[in-house]
Amino acid sequence: MATPAASIFGDQVPVVTSAVDVTAFTLGTKWSASVRGAITHGRWYFPDVAPDGPTAWVLYDEVTEAEIARAEFTDTAPGWRTVALDPPVVYSTPGTVMVAAVEAVTRYVATAGLFADGPVISGPLTAPGDGDNGRVGIGAGYPPSTFGDTCYFADLLFAPSLSAGPRITTGTPPGRITSSTPGRWR
């Protein structure tokens, strides 16, 4: 029996569902998992009025700030929307910190101070409440800053796995996997 996919925020709803700004932002959530698995989908809670232009979900390595995966949403109706990652990203080292983000949005959702009371824990996923979550960046690219422990509901679907899989190595270009022995992943 397969373990169901986990998300950080589940069916939680933001307090503000229709924020707007003249500047395009990349907004994200810092997270880690306690087990190995795969990131199969990106998720975001779309605001009451869809952002202008395309909206991309992006996965970043928190240490190197490198982009690991990207997918563009086609459904922009209000509420939770998902976009498949093809191929899924293997998460092989529990505790590795990543950032799930939505890129270049002028319309967004938010709950101020959500991370101020501590981490958000959902199954194997943890979004830390360490004063360094609720990531924000101007324009496209890694979101390096925070703003008042605000949550912008950038999320993911994570499928826990006990089996070995291809390892994504820090510094490896997006989509590339490494193996020391043909047919045997490390």
C-alpha atoms as a PDB file:
ATOM      1  CA  MET A   1       0.000   0.000   0.000  1.00  0.00           C
ATOM      2  CA  ALA A   2       1.472   3.341  -1.082  1.00  0.00           C
ATOM      3  CA  THR A   3       1.868   6.164   1.402  1.00  0.00           C
ATOM      4  CA  PRO A   4      -0.295   9.135   0.385  1.00  0.00           C
ATOM      5  CA  ALA A   5       1.382  12.340  -0.794  1.00  0.00           C
ATOM      6  CA  ALA A   6       1.922  15.006   1.852  1.00  0.00           C
ATOM      7  CA  SER A   7       1.709  18.783   1.549  1.00  0.00           C
ATOM      8  CA  ILE A   8       2.754  21.464   4.008  1.00  0.00           C
ATOM      9  CA  PHE A   9      -0.505  23.394   4.193  1.00  0.00           C
ATOM     10  CA  GLY A  10      -3.122  20.751   3.254  1.00  0.00           C
ATOM     11  CA  ASP A  11      -6.472  22.479   2.849  1.00  0.00           C
ATOM     12  CA  GLN A  12      -5.504  25.509   4.955  1.00  0.00           C
ATOM     13  CA  VAL A  13      -6.756  28.827   3.513  1.00  0.00           C
ATOM     14  CA  PRO A  14      -4.871  32.152   3.629  1.00  0.00           C
ATOM     15  CA  VAL A  15      -6.317  35.072   5.613  1.00  0.00           C
ATOM     16  CA  VAL A  16      -5.742  37.515   2.725  1.00  0.00           C
ATOM     17  CA  THR A  17      -6.890  36.056  -0.618  1.00  0.00           C
ATOM     18  CA  SER A  18      -6.535  39.152  -2.780  1.00  0.00           C
ATOM     19  CA  ALA A  19      -3.314  41.122  -2.243  1.00  0.00           C
ATOM     20  CA  VAL A  20      -1.839  43.185  -5.073  1.00  0.00           C
ATOM     21  CA  ASP A  21       1.441  45.023  -5.629  1.00  0.00           C
ATOM     22  CA  VAL A  22       2.956  46.937  -8.551  1.00  0.00           C
ATOM     23  CA  THR A  23       6.216  44.985  -8.171  1.00  0.00           C
ATOM     24  CA  ALA A  24       6.458  41.375  -9.361  1.00  0.00           C
ATOM     25  CA  PHE A  25       7.719  39.059  -6.616  1.00  0.00           C
ATOM     26  CA  THR A  26       8.927  35.530  -6.107  1.00  0.00           C
ATOM     27  CA  LEU A  27       7.257  34.249  -2.937  1.00  0.00           C
ATOM     28  CA  GLY A  28       8.225  31.027  -1.213  1.00  0.00           C
ATOM     29  CA  THR A  29       8.223  28.589   1.678  1.00  0.00           C
ATOM     30  CA  LYS A  30      11.382  27.105   3.159  1.00  0.00           C
ATOM     31  CA  TRP A  31      10.887  23.413   4.009  1.00  0.00           C
ATOM     32  CA  SER A  32      12.509  20.035   4.609  1.00  0.00           C
ATOM     33  CA  ALA A  33      11.380  16.412   4.895  1.00  0.00           C
ATOM     34  CA  SER A  34      12.242  13.852   7.564  1.00  0.00           C
ATOM     35  CA  VAL A  35      12.237  10.961   5.049  1.00  0.00           C
ATOM     36  CA  ARG A  36      13.309  10.226   1.486  1.00  0.00           C
ATOM     37  CA  GLY A  37      10.764  10.612  -1.276  1.00  0.00           C
ATOM     38  CA  ALA A  38       9.850  12.584  -4.375  1.00  0.00           C
ATOM     39  CA  ILE A  39       8.414  16.032  -5.022  1.00  0.00           C
ATOM     40  CA  THR A  40       5.712  15.186  -7.564  1.00  0.00           C
ATOM     41  CA  HIS A  41       3.772  18.463  -7.842  1.00  0.00           C
ATOM     42  CA  GLY A  42       4.029  22.145  -7.033  1.00  0.00           C
ATOM     43  CA  ARG A  43       1.033  23.783  -5.293  1.00  0.00           C
ATOM     44  CA  TRP A  44      -0.076  27.330  -4.750  1.00  0.00           C
ATOM     45  CA  TYR A  45      -3.217  28.977  -3.427  1.00  0.00           C
ATOM     46  CA  PHE A  46      -4.229  31.294  -6.266  1.00  0.00           C
ATOM     47  CA  PRO A  47      -5.685  34.690  -5.288  1.00  0.00           C
ATOM     48  CA  ASP A  48      -9.264  35.789  -6.044  1.00  0.00           C
ATOM     49  CA  VAL A  49      -7.957  37.594  -9.148  1.00  0.00           C
ATOM     50  CA  ALA A  50      -5.341  35.665 -11.151  1.00  0.00           C
ATOM     51  CA  PRO A  51      -1.847  37.169 -11.434  1.00  0.00           C
ATOM     52  CA  ASP A  52      -1.029  39.019 -14.657  1.00  0.00           C
ATOM     53  CA  GLY A  53       0.918  36.819 -17.066  1.00  0.00           C
ATOM     54  CA  PRO A  54       2.294  33.329 -16.530  1.00  0.00           C
ATOM     55  CA  THR A  55       2.778  31.930 -13.037  1.00  0.00           C
ATOM     56  CA  ALA A  56       5.571  29.407 -12.448  1.00  0.00           C
ATOM     57  CA  TRP A  57       6.204  27.121  -9.495  1.00  0.00           C
ATOM     58  CA  VAL A  58       9.929  26.788  -8.807  1.00  0.00           C
ATOM     59  CA  LEU A  59      11.958  24.574  -6.456  1.00  0.00           C
ATOM     60  CA  TYR A  60      15.246  25.986  -5.125  1.00  0.00           C
ATOM     61  CA  ASP A  61      18.111  24.526  -3.118  1.00  0.00           C
ATOM     62  CA  GLU A  62      18.203  26.740  -0.008  1.00  0.00           C
ATOM     63  CA  VAL A  63      21.985  26.543   0.450  1.00  0.00           C
ATOM     64  CA  THR A  64      23.162  27.163  -3.123  1.00  0.00           C
ATOM     65  CA  GLU A  65      20.049  29.104  -4.212  1.00  0.00           C
ATOM     66  CA  ALA A  66      20.139  26.999  -7.398  1.00  0.00           C
ATOM     67  CA  GLU A  67      16.943  26.262  -9.294  1.00  0.00           C
ATOM     68  CA  ILE A  68      16.167  22.517  -9.173  1.00  0.00           C
ATOM     69  CA  ALA A  69      12.787  22.326 -10.977  1.00  0.00           C
ATOM     70  CA  ARG A  70      10.209  24.568 -12.641  1.00  0.00           C
ATOM     71  CA  ALA A  71       6.653  24.108 -13.924  1.00  0.00           C
ATOM     72  CA  GLU A  72       4.077  26.589 -15.213  1.00  0.00           C
ATOM     73  CA  PHE A  73       0.492  26.633 -13.966  1.00  0.00           C
ATOM     74  CA  THR A  74      -2.239  26.447 -16.613  1.00  0.00           C
ATOM     75  CA  ASP A  75      -5.200  26.543 -14.194  1.00  0.00           C
ATOM     76  CA  THR A  76      -5.287  29.919 -12.443  1.00  0.00           C
ATOM     77  CA  ALA A  77      -8.772  29.796 -10.883  1.00  0.00           C
ATOM     78  CA  PRO A  78      -8.932  30.969  -7.241  1.00  0.00           C
ATOM     79  CA  GLY A  79      -7.955  28.395  -4.610  1.00  0.00           C
ATOM     80  CA  TRP A  80      -5.451  25.561  -4.408  1.00  0.00           C
ATOM     81  CA  ARG A  81      -3.942  24.583  -7.774  1.00  0.00           C
ATOM     82  CA  THR A  82      -1.299  21.978  -8.561  1.00  0.00           C
ATOM     83  CA  VAL A  83       1.160  21.523 -11.395  1.00  0.00           C
ATOM     84  CA  ALA A  84       2.968  18.245 -12.111  1.00  0.00           C
ATOM     85  CA  LEU A  85       6.755  18.065 -12.118  1.00  0.00           C
ATOM     86  CA  ASP A  86       7.954  15.969 -15.037  1.00  0.00           C
ATOM     87  CA  PRO A  87      10.035  14.185 -13.968  1.00  0.00           C
ATOM     88  CA  PRO A  88       9.393  14.295 -10.201  1.00  0.00           C
ATOM     89  CA  VAL A  89      12.357  15.490  -8.147  1.00  0.00           C
ATOM     90  CA  VAL A  90      13.886  12.807  -5.919  1.00  0.00           C
ATOM     91  CA  TYR A  91      14.549  13.970  -2.356  1.00  0.00           C
ATOM     92  CA  SER A  92      17.242  11.563  -1.195  1.00  0.00           C
ATOM     93  CA  THR A  93      18.720  13.193   1.921  1.00  0.00           C
ATOM     94  CA  PRO A  94      16.284  13.793   4.802  1.00  0.00           C
ATOM     95  CA  GLY A  95      16.767  17.210   6.386  1.00  0.00           C
ATOM     96  CA  THR A  96      17.891  18.926   3.166  1.00  0.00           C
ATOM     97  CA  VAL A  97      16.352  22.404   3.140  1.00  0.00           C
ATOM     98  CA  MET A  98      14.589  23.531  -0.035  1.00  0.00           C
ATOM     99  CA  VAL A  99      12.393  26.492  -1.020  1.00  0.00           C
ATOM    100  CA  ALA A 100       9.099  26.007  -2.874  1.00  0.00           C
ATOM    101  CA  ALA A 101       8.225  29.265  -4.635  1.00  0.00           C
ATOM    102  CA  VAL A 102       5.898  30.964  -7.097  1.00  0.00           C
ATOM    103  CA  GLU A 103       7.618  33.338  -9.459  1.00  0.00           C
ATOM    104  CA  ALA A 104       6.938  36.863 -10.694  1.00  0.00           C
ATOM    105  CA  VAL A 105       3.499  37.448  -9.218  1.00  0.00           C
ATOM    106  CA  THR A 106       1.883  40.852  -8.630  1.00  0.00           C
ATOM    107  CA  ARG A 107      -1.294  39.338  -7.149  1.00  0.00           C
ATOM    108  CA  TYR A 108      -0.896  36.917  -4.250  1.00  0.00           C
ATOM    109  CA  VAL A 109      -2.278  35.527  -0.986  1.00  0.00           C
ATOM    110  CA  ALA A 110      -0.867  35.815   2.523  1.00  0.00           C
ATOM    111  CA  THR A 111      -1.257  35.103   6.209  1.00  0.00           C
ATOM    112  CA  ALA A 112       0.899  37.495   8.234  1.00  0.00           C
ATOM    113  CA  GLY A 113       2.853  35.971  11.118  1.00  0.00           C
ATOM    114  CA  LEU A 114       1.929  32.343  10.360  1.00  0.00           C
ATOM    115  CA  PHE A 115       5.521  31.216  11.012  1.00  0.00           C
ATOM    116  CA  ALA A 116       5.951  33.407  14.135  1.00  0.00           C
ATOM    117  CA  ASP A 117       4.529  30.759  16.486  1.00  0.00           C
ATOM    118  CA  GLY A 118       6.888  28.022  15.323  1.00  0.00           C
ATOM    119  CA  PRO A 119       7.150  25.516  12.516  1.00  0.00           C
ATOM    120  CA  VAL A 120       4.314  24.148  10.402  1.00  0.00           C
ATOM    121  CA  ILE A 121       4.600  20.349  10.499  1.00  0.00           C
ATOM    122  CA  SER A 122       2.563  18.073   8.243  1.00  0.00           C
ATOM    123  CA  GLY A 123       3.528  14.396   8.201  1.00  0.00           C
ATOM    124  CA  PRO A 124       7.161  14.190   7.058  1.00  0.00           C
ATOM    125  CA  LEU A 125       7.272  17.871   5.965  1.00  0.00           C
ATOM    126  CA  THR A 126       8.379  20.807   8.120  1.00  0.00           C
ATOM    127  CA  ALA A 127       8.278  24.489   7.224  1.00  0.00           C
ATOM    128  CA  PRO A 128      10.443  26.050   9.957  1.00  0.00           C
ATOM    129  CA  GLY A 129       9.236  28.934  12.068  1.00  0.00           C
ATOM    130  CA  ASP A 130      12.704  30.281  12.621  1.00  0.00           C
ATOM    131  CA  GLY A 131      12.229  33.927  11.616  1.00  0.00           C
ATOM    132  CA  ASP A 132      13.606  33.004   8.196  1.00  0.00           C
ATOM    133  CA  ASN A 133      10.501  31.676   6.438  1.00  0.00           C
ATOM    134  CA  GLY A 134       7.934  33.300   4.208  1.00  0.00           C
ATOM    135  CA  ARG A 135      10.572  33.973   1.539  1.00  0.00           C
ATOM    136  CA  VAL A 136      10.370  37.068  -0.704  1.00  0.00           C
ATOM    137  CA  GLY A 137      12.385  38.234  -3.700  1.00  0.00           C
ATOM    138  CA  ILE A 138      11.843  41.051  -6.195  1.00  0.00           C
ATOM    139  CA  GLY A 139      11.282  39.788  -9.746  1.00  0.00           C
ATOM    140  CA  ALA A 140      12.215  36.291 -10.846  1.00  0.00           C
ATOM    141  CA  GLY A 141      14.806  34.173  -9.058  1.00  0.00           C
ATOM    142  CA  TYR A 142      15.611  32.850  -5.608  1.00  0.00           C
ATOM    143  CA  PRO A 143      13.679  34.709  -2.852  1.00  0.00           C
ATOM    144  CA  PRO A 144      16.444  35.778  -0.389  1.00  0.00           C
ATOM    145  CA  SER A 145      14.448  37.834   2.148  1.00  0.00           C
ATOM    146  CA  THR A 146      11.550  37.457   4.577  1.00  0.00           C
ATOM    147  CA  PHE A 147       8.746  39.744   5.691  1.00  0.00           C
ATOM    148  CA  GLY A 148       7.247  39.359   9.174  1.00  0.00           C
ATOM    149  CA  ASP A 149       7.012  35.542   9.167  1.00  0.00           C
ATOM    150  CA  THR A 150       4.318  35.891   6.484  1.00  0.00           C
ATOM    151  CA  CYS A 151       3.163  32.762   4.678  1.00  0.00           C
ATOM    152  CA  TYR A 152       2.469  33.035   0.916  1.00  0.00           C
ATOM    153  CA  PHE A 153       1.183  29.437   0.549  1.00  0.00           C
ATOM    154  CA  ALA A 154       3.781  28.137  -1.910  1.00  0.00           C
ATOM    155  CA  ASP A 155       3.549  24.400  -1.316  1.00  0.00           C
ATOM    156  CA  LEU A 156       4.304  20.991  -2.844  1.00  0.00           C
ATOM    157  CA  LEU A 157       3.122  17.401  -2.955  1.00  0.00           C
ATOM    158  CA  PHE A 158       5.684  15.015  -1.497  1.00  0.00           C
ATOM    159  CA  ALA A 159       5.483  11.237  -1.909  1.00  0.00           C
ATOM    160  CA  PRO A 160       7.457   9.511   0.873  1.00  0.00           C
ATOM    161  CA  SER A 161       9.454   6.476  -0.202  1.00  0.00           C
ATOM    162  CA  LEU A 162      11.489   3.863   1.600  1.00  0.00           C
ATOM    163  CA  SER A 163      13.121   2.641  -1.602  1.00  0.00           C
ATOM    164  CA  ALA A 164      16.313   4.027  -3.046  1.00  0.00           C
ATOM    165  CA  GLY A 165      16.060   6.326  -6.003  1.00  0.00           C
ATOM    166  CA  PRO A 166      18.260   8.548  -8.129  1.00  0.00           C
ATOM    167  CA  ARG A 167      20.072  11.145  -6.081  1.00  0.00           C
ATOM    168  CA  ILE A 168      19.857  14.836  -6.934  1.00  0.00           C
ATOM    169  CA  THR A 169      23.218  16.288  -5.970  1.00  0.00           C
ATOM    170  CA  THR A 170      23.649  19.914  -4.937  1.00  0.00           C
ATOM    171  CA  GLY A 171      25.142  21.812  -7.847  1.00  0.00           C
ATOM    172  CA  THR A 172      23.788  19.357 -10.434  1.00  0.00           C
ATOM    173  CA  PRO A 173      21.919  21.096 -13.268  1.00  0.00           C
ATOM    174  CA  PRO A 174      18.100  20.776 -13.105  1.00  0.00           C
ATOM    175  CA  GLY A 175      16.821  17.414 -14.274  1.00  0.00           C
ATOM    176  CA  ARG A 176      20.199  15.661 -14.107  1.00  0.00           C
ATOM    177  CA  ILE A 177      20.704  12.617 -11.894  1.00  0.00           C
ATOM    178  CA  THR A 178      23.924  10.945 -10.919  1.00  0.00           C
ATOM    179  CA  SER A 179      24.828   7.266 -10.618  1.00  0.00           C
ATOM    180  CA  SER A 180      28.145   5.684  -9.754  1.00  0.00           C
ATOM    181  CA  THR A 181      27.201   2.314 -11.241  1.00  0.00           C
ATOM    182  CA  PRO A 182      25.004   1.838 -14.329  1.00  0.00           C
ATOM    183  CA  GLY A 183      21.662   0.405 -13.244  1.00  0.00           C
ATOM    184  CA  ARG A 184      22.338   1.076  -9.569  1.00  0.00           C
ATOM    185  CA  TRP A 185      21.495   4.464  -8.097  1.00  0.00           C
ATOM    186  CA  ARG A 186      23.356   5.796  -5.121  1.00  0.00           C
END
